[in-house]
Amino acid sequence: MDECVFCRILRNEIPSRKIYEDEKLLVIEDIAPVAPVHFLFIPKKHFANCLVMSPEDNNLLGHVFQVAGRLAREKGVAAEGFRIVNNTNEAAGQSVYHIHFHMIAGRHLAWPPG
């Protein structure tokens, strides 16, 4: 956990461009954005991904989506639309093993992704 890049960002050891922060969650700009709006929602509690979540983590997911809705409205992308993405394990694109969510918006997002 000490070497986890997101834990280091949470401890302010690595600089980031903060969008939002509260006691449960940090939202930052992605350093390699794939769209005009690309934020990372990083829970302050460290766990790798949804495969190791516990029941006490359930409220965290609702909080992530509530904050995402608020930020989408604030950033002017709510009406146009946005995508929330969570990658689990390597084949799905997870490269940092600290659960996190991407908010992507500001351009047309094709389906299916990838």
N, C-alpha and C. Protein backbone atom coordinates (compact mmCIF):
# COMPACT_ATOMS: atom_id res chain seq x y z
N MET A 1 0.83 -1.20 0.00
CA MET A 1 0.00 0.00 0.00
C MET A 1 0.87 1.26 0.00
N ASP A 2 2.02 1.22 0.69
CA ASP A 2 2.87 2.41 0.77
C ASP A 2 3.37 2.86 -0.59
N GLU A 3 3.58 1.93 -1.52
CA GLU A 3 4.09 2.27 -2.83
C GLU A 3 2.98 2.49 -3.86
N CYS A 4 1.74 2.33 -3.49
CA CYS A 4 0.62 2.56 -4.39
C CYS A 4 0.61 4.03 -4.82
N VAL A 5 0.62 4.26 -6.12
CA VAL A 5 0.68 5.63 -6.63
C VAL A 5 -0.51 6.46 -6.14
N PHE A 6 -1.70 5.87 -6.08
CA PHE A 6 -2.86 6.63 -5.61
C PHE A 6 -2.77 6.91 -4.12
N CYS A 7 -2.25 5.97 -3.34
CA CYS A 7 -2.06 6.24 -1.91
C CYS A 7 -1.05 7.37 -1.73
N ARG A 8 -0.03 7.41 -2.56
CA ARG A 8 0.96 8.49 -2.49
C ARG A 8 0.34 9.83 -2.89
N ILE A 9 -0.55 9.82 -3.86
CA ILE A 9 -1.27 11.05 -4.23
C ILE A 9 -2.16 11.48 -3.06
N LEU A 10 -2.84 10.53 -2.45
CA LEU A 10 -3.70 10.85 -1.31
C LEU A 10 -2.91 11.45 -0.14
N ARG A 11 -1.66 11.03 0.02
CA ARG A 11 -0.80 11.56 1.08
C ARG A 11 -0.06 12.83 0.64
N ASN A 12 -0.38 13.33 -0.54
CA ASN A 12 0.26 14.54 -1.11
C ASN A 12 1.76 14.36 -1.34
N GLU A 13 2.21 13.13 -1.54
CA GLU A 13 3.60 12.87 -1.88
C GLU A 13 3.85 13.05 -3.37
N ILE A 14 2.79 12.92 -4.16
CA ILE A 14 2.84 13.14 -5.60
C ILE A 14 1.83 14.23 -5.90
N PRO A 15 2.21 15.26 -6.64
CA PRO A 15 1.26 16.34 -6.94
C PRO A 15 0.15 15.86 -7.89
N SER A 16 -0.99 16.50 -7.75
CA SER A 16 -2.13 16.21 -8.62
C SER A 16 -2.95 17.48 -8.78
N ARG A 17 -3.80 17.48 -9.79
CA ARG A 17 -4.72 18.60 -10.00
C ARG A 17 -6.06 18.19 -9.42
N LYS A 18 -6.31 18.62 -8.19
CA LYS A 18 -7.52 18.24 -7.47
C LYS A 18 -8.74 18.97 -8.01
N ILE A 19 -9.81 18.21 -8.17
CA ILE A 19 -11.10 18.73 -8.60
C ILE A 19 -12.05 18.78 -7.41
N TYR A 20 -11.96 17.78 -6.54
CA TYR A 20 -12.89 17.63 -5.42
C TYR A 20 -12.22 16.75 -4.37
N GLU A 21 -12.55 17.02 -3.10
CA GLU A 21 -12.07 16.16 -2.02
C GLU A 21 -13.01 16.24 -0.84
N ASP A 22 -13.26 15.09 -0.23
CA ASP A 22 -13.98 15.03 1.04
C ASP A 22 -13.36 13.91 1.86
N GLU A 23 -14.01 13.50 2.94
CA GLU A 23 -13.42 12.51 3.84
C GLU A 23 -13.32 11.12 3.22
N LYS A 24 -14.08 10.83 2.15
CA LYS A 24 -14.09 9.50 1.55
C LYS A 24 -13.41 9.42 0.20
N LEU A 25 -13.24 10.56 -0.48
CA LEU A 25 -12.95 10.52 -1.90
C LEU A 25 -12.09 11.70 -2.33
N LEU A 26 -11.19 11.43 -3.27
CA LEU A 26 -10.43 12.47 -3.95
C LEU A 26 -10.71 12.34 -5.44
N VAL A 27 -10.97 13.47 -6.10
CA VAL A 27 -11.16 13.48 -7.55
C VAL A 27 -10.08 14.37 -8.13
N ILE A 28 -9.35 13.82 -9.12
CA ILE A 28 -8.26 14.57 -9.75
C ILE A 28 -8.40 14.48 -11.27
N GLU A 29 -7.68 15.37 -11.96
CA GLU A 29 -7.60 15.28 -13.41
C GLU A 29 -6.66 14.13 -13.77
N ASP A 30 -7.02 13.36 -14.78
CA ASP A 30 -6.15 12.28 -15.27
C ASP A 30 -4.94 12.91 -15.96
N ILE A 31 -3.75 12.35 -15.74
CA ILE A 31 -2.55 12.92 -16.36
C ILE A 31 -2.42 12.57 -17.84
N ALA A 32 -3.21 11.61 -18.31
CA ALA A 32 -3.21 11.23 -19.72
C ALA A 32 -4.66 11.17 -20.20
N PRO A 33 -5.31 12.32 -20.30
CA PRO A 33 -6.75 12.32 -20.62
C PRO A 33 -7.06 11.77 -22.00
N VAL A 34 -8.19 11.06 -22.09
CA VAL A 34 -8.67 10.53 -23.36
C VAL A 34 -9.86 11.34 -23.89
N ALA A 35 -10.22 12.38 -23.16
CA ALA A 35 -11.33 13.25 -23.55
C ALA A 35 -11.12 14.60 -22.87
N PRO A 36 -11.83 15.63 -23.33
CA PRO A 36 -11.68 16.95 -22.70
C PRO A 36 -11.93 16.94 -21.19
N VAL A 37 -12.85 16.11 -20.74
CA VAL A 37 -13.07 15.90 -19.31
C VAL A 37 -12.68 14.47 -19.00
N HIS A 38 -11.67 14.30 -18.17
CA HIS A 38 -11.24 12.96 -17.74
C HIS A 38 -10.73 13.07 -16.31
N PHE A 39 -11.60 12.69 -15.38
CA PHE A 39 -11.31 12.76 -13.96
C PHE A 39 -11.15 11.36 -13.40
N LEU A 40 -10.33 11.23 -12.36
CA LEU A 40 -10.20 9.98 -11.62
C LEU A 40 -10.83 10.16 -10.24
N PHE A 41 -11.70 9.26 -9.87
CA PHE A 41 -12.36 9.24 -8.57
C PHE A 41 -11.63 8.18 -7.74
N ILE A 42 -10.89 8.62 -6.73
CA ILE A 42 -10.04 7.73 -5.95
C ILE A 42 -10.54 7.66 -4.52
N PRO A 43 -11.12 6.54 -4.12
CA PRO A 43 -11.51 6.40 -2.71
C PRO A 43 -10.28 6.48 -1.81
N LYS A 44 -10.46 7.06 -0.64
CA LYS A 44 -9.36 7.18 0.31
C LYS A 44 -9.04 5.86 0.99
N LYS A 45 -9.98 4.94 0.98
CA LYS A 45 -9.71 3.60 1.51
C LYS A 45 -9.05 2.78 0.41
N HIS A 46 -7.93 2.17 0.74
CA HIS A 46 -7.21 1.36 -0.25
C HIS A 46 -7.76 -0.05 -0.29
N PHE A 47 -8.20 -0.47 -1.46
CA PHE A 47 -8.39 -1.88 -1.78
C PHE A 47 -8.26 -1.99 -3.29
N ALA A 48 -7.84 -3.13 -3.76
CA ALA A 48 -7.41 -3.29 -5.15
C ALA A 48 -8.53 -3.03 -6.16
N ASN A 49 -9.67 -3.67 -5.96
CA ASN A 49 -10.77 -3.57 -6.94
C ASN A 49 -12.03 -4.18 -6.34
N CYS A 50 -13.08 -4.27 -7.15
CA CYS A 50 -14.36 -4.74 -6.64
C CYS A 50 -14.33 -6.20 -6.20
N LEU A 51 -13.34 -6.95 -6.63
CA LEU A 51 -13.25 -8.35 -6.24
C LEU A 51 -12.91 -8.54 -4.76
N VAL A 52 -12.40 -7.50 -4.13
CA VAL A 52 -12.04 -7.59 -2.71
C VAL A 52 -12.82 -6.61 -1.84
N MET A 53 -13.91 -6.07 -2.38
CA MET A 53 -14.75 -5.17 -1.58
C MET A 53 -15.42 -5.95 -0.46
N SER A 54 -15.74 -5.24 0.59
CA SER A 54 -16.50 -5.83 1.68
C SER A 54 -17.83 -5.08 1.80
N PRO A 55 -18.79 -5.63 2.52
CA PRO A 55 -20.09 -4.97 2.64
C PRO A 55 -20.01 -3.54 3.15
N GLU A 56 -19.03 -3.22 4.01
CA GLU A 56 -18.93 -1.86 4.51
C GLU A 56 -18.49 -0.87 3.43
N ASP A 57 -18.06 -1.36 2.28
CA ASP A 57 -17.68 -0.49 1.16
C ASP A 57 -18.86 -0.12 0.26
N ASN A 58 -20.03 -0.68 0.49
CA ASN A 58 -21.17 -0.46 -0.38
C ASN A 58 -21.56 1.01 -0.50
N ASN A 59 -21.56 1.74 0.59
CA ASN A 59 -21.95 3.16 0.55
C ASN A 59 -20.97 3.99 -0.27
N LEU A 60 -19.74 3.55 -0.35
CA LEU A 60 -18.73 4.27 -1.11
C LEU A 60 -19.11 4.39 -2.58
N LEU A 61 -19.64 3.33 -3.15
CA LEU A 61 -20.02 3.37 -4.57
C LEU A 61 -21.13 4.38 -4.82
N GLY A 62 -22.11 4.44 -3.97
CA GLY A 62 -23.16 5.44 -4.11
C GLY A 62 -22.59 6.84 -4.00
N HIS A 63 -21.65 7.03 -3.12
CA HIS A 63 -21.02 8.34 -2.95
C HIS A 63 -20.26 8.75 -4.21
N VAL A 64 -19.52 7.81 -4.80
CA VAL A 64 -18.79 8.09 -6.04
C VAL A 64 -19.76 8.59 -7.11
N PHE A 65 -20.87 7.91 -7.30
CA PHE A 65 -21.81 8.30 -8.35
C PHE A 65 -22.53 9.60 -8.03
N GLN A 66 -22.80 9.86 -6.77
CA GLN A 66 -23.41 11.13 -6.39
C GLN A 66 -22.47 12.29 -6.68
N VAL A 67 -21.21 12.15 -6.32
CA VAL A 67 -20.23 13.19 -6.60
C VAL A 67 -20.03 13.33 -8.11
N ALA A 68 -20.03 12.23 -8.84
CA ALA A 68 -19.89 12.29 -10.30
C ALA A 68 -21.02 13.11 -10.92
N GLY A 69 -22.23 12.89 -10.47
CA GLY A 69 -23.36 13.67 -10.98
C GLY A 69 -23.21 15.15 -10.69
N ARG A 70 -22.80 15.46 -9.50
CA ARG A 70 -22.61 16.87 -9.13
C ARG A 70 -21.51 17.52 -9.98
N LEU A 71 -20.38 16.82 -10.14
CA LEU A 71 -19.29 17.38 -10.95
C LEU A 71 -19.68 17.49 -12.42
N ALA A 72 -20.44 16.53 -12.93
CA ALA A 72 -20.90 16.61 -14.33
C ALA A 72 -21.75 17.86 -14.54
N ARG A 73 -22.62 18.16 -13.60
CA ARG A 73 -23.42 19.39 -13.72
C ARG A 73 -22.54 20.62 -13.62
N GLU A 74 -21.61 20.63 -12.66
CA GLU A 74 -20.73 21.79 -12.48
C GLU A 74 -19.84 22.03 -13.70
N LYS A 75 -19.38 20.96 -14.33
CA LYS A 75 -18.47 21.09 -15.47
C LYS A 75 -19.21 21.23 -16.81
N GLY A 76 -20.55 21.21 -16.76
CA GLY A 76 -21.33 21.43 -17.97
C GLY A 76 -21.42 20.26 -18.92
N VAL A 77 -21.21 19.04 -18.43
CA VAL A 77 -21.29 17.87 -19.32
C VAL A 77 -22.46 16.95 -19.00
N ALA A 78 -23.27 17.31 -18.02
CA ALA A 78 -24.37 16.43 -17.61
C ALA A 78 -25.40 16.25 -18.72
N ALA A 79 -25.80 17.32 -19.35
CA ALA A 79 -26.84 17.22 -20.39
C ALA A 79 -26.34 16.46 -21.61
N GLU A 80 -25.09 16.70 -21.98
CA GLU A 80 -24.50 16.03 -23.15
C GLU A 80 -24.25 14.55 -22.88
N GLY A 81 -23.82 14.24 -21.69
CA GLY A 81 -23.57 12.86 -21.30
C GLY A 81 -22.13 12.62 -20.91
N PHE A 82 -21.93 11.59 -20.12
CA PHE A 82 -20.60 11.23 -19.65
C PHE A 82 -20.58 9.75 -19.36
N ARG A 83 -19.39 9.22 -19.19
CA ARG A 83 -19.22 7.80 -18.91
C ARG A 83 -18.41 7.65 -17.63
N ILE A 84 -18.82 6.69 -16.78
CA ILE A 84 -18.06 6.30 -15.60
C ILE A 84 -17.52 4.90 -15.88
N VAL A 85 -16.20 4.73 -15.74
CA VAL A 85 -15.54 3.46 -16.08
C VAL A 85 -14.75 2.97 -14.87
N ASN A 86 -14.82 1.67 -14.64
CA ASN A 86 -13.99 1.01 -13.64
C ASN A 86 -13.40 -0.22 -14.30
N ASN A 87 -12.08 -0.31 -14.29
CA ASN A 87 -11.39 -1.46 -14.87
C ASN A 87 -10.95 -2.39 -13.75
N THR A 88 -11.19 -3.69 -13.94
CA THR A 88 -10.83 -4.68 -12.93
C THR A 88 -9.90 -5.71 -13.53
N ASN A 89 -8.68 -5.68 -13.07
CA ASN A 89 -7.59 -6.58 -13.45
C ASN A 89 -7.01 -6.23 -14.83
N GLU A 90 -5.89 -6.85 -15.12
CA GLU A 90 -5.05 -6.45 -16.25
C GLU A 90 -5.73 -6.50 -17.61
N ALA A 91 -6.43 -7.57 -17.93
CA ALA A 91 -7.05 -7.70 -19.25
C ALA A 91 -8.11 -6.63 -19.50
N ALA A 92 -8.66 -6.06 -18.43
CA ALA A 92 -9.65 -4.99 -18.55
C ALA A 92 -9.01 -3.62 -18.54
N GLY A 93 -7.70 -3.55 -18.35
CA GLY A 93 -7.00 -2.27 -18.38
C GLY A 93 -6.63 -1.69 -17.04
N GLN A 94 -6.83 -2.43 -15.94
CA GLN A 94 -6.44 -1.89 -14.64
C GLN A 94 -4.93 -1.90 -14.52
N SER A 95 -4.35 -0.73 -14.30
CA SER A 95 -2.89 -0.63 -14.16
C SER A 95 -2.49 -0.19 -12.76
N VAL A 96 -3.39 0.42 -12.02
CA VAL A 96 -3.14 0.79 -10.63
C VAL A 96 -4.12 -0.01 -9.78
N TYR A 97 -3.58 -0.81 -8.86
CA TYR A 97 -4.42 -1.69 -8.07
C TYR A 97 -4.86 -1.03 -6.77
N HIS A 98 -5.58 0.06 -6.96
CA HIS A 98 -6.30 0.81 -5.92
C HIS A 98 -7.60 1.18 -6.63
N ILE A 99 -8.71 0.70 -6.13
CA ILE A 99 -9.97 0.92 -6.85
C ILE A 99 -10.13 2.40 -7.20
N HIS A 100 -10.57 2.65 -8.43
CA HIS A 100 -10.79 4.02 -8.89
C HIS A 100 -11.75 3.98 -10.07
N PHE A 101 -12.28 5.14 -10.38
CA PHE A 101 -13.26 5.27 -11.44
C PHE A 101 -12.87 6.44 -12.33
N HIS A 102 -13.07 6.27 -13.62
CA HIS A 102 -12.79 7.34 -14.58
C HIS A 102 -14.12 7.98 -14.98
N MET A 103 -14.16 9.30 -15.00
CA MET A 103 -15.27 10.03 -15.60
C MET A 103 -14.73 10.61 -16.90
N ILE A 104 -15.37 10.25 -18.01
CA ILE A 104 -14.93 10.68 -19.33
C ILE A 104 -16.09 11.41 -19.99
N ALA A 105 -15.81 12.60 -20.53
CA ALA A 105 -16.87 13.39 -21.16
C ALA A 105 -16.26 14.46 -22.06
N GLY A 106 -17.12 15.14 -22.77
CA GLY A 106 -16.69 16.27 -23.58
C GLY A 106 -16.45 15.92 -25.04
N ARG A 107 -16.71 14.69 -25.42
CA ARG A 107 -16.64 14.28 -26.82
C ARG A 107 -17.58 13.09 -26.99
N HIS A 108 -17.85 12.73 -28.24
CA HIS A 108 -18.70 11.57 -28.49
C HIS A 108 -17.96 10.31 -28.04
N LEU A 109 -18.63 9.48 -27.28
CA LEU A 109 -18.06 8.23 -26.78
C LEU A 109 -18.72 7.06 -27.49
N ALA A 110 -17.97 6.37 -28.30
CA ALA A 110 -18.52 5.25 -29.09
C ALA A 110 -18.85 4.06 -28.22
N TRP A 111 -19.71 3.21 -28.74
CA TRP A 111 -20.05 1.95 -28.07
C TRP A 111 -20.01 0.85 -29.09
N PRO A 112 -19.44 -0.30 -28.87
CA PRO A 112 -18.80 -0.67 -27.61
C PRO A 112 -17.43 -0.02 -27.45
N PRO A 113 -16.99 0.14 -26.21
CA PRO A 113 -15.67 0.74 -25.97
C PRO A 113 -14.57 -0.27 -26.28
N GLY A 114 -13.36 0.21 -26.33
CA GLY A 114 -12.18 -0.64 -26.45
C GLY A 114 -12.06 -1.31 -27.76
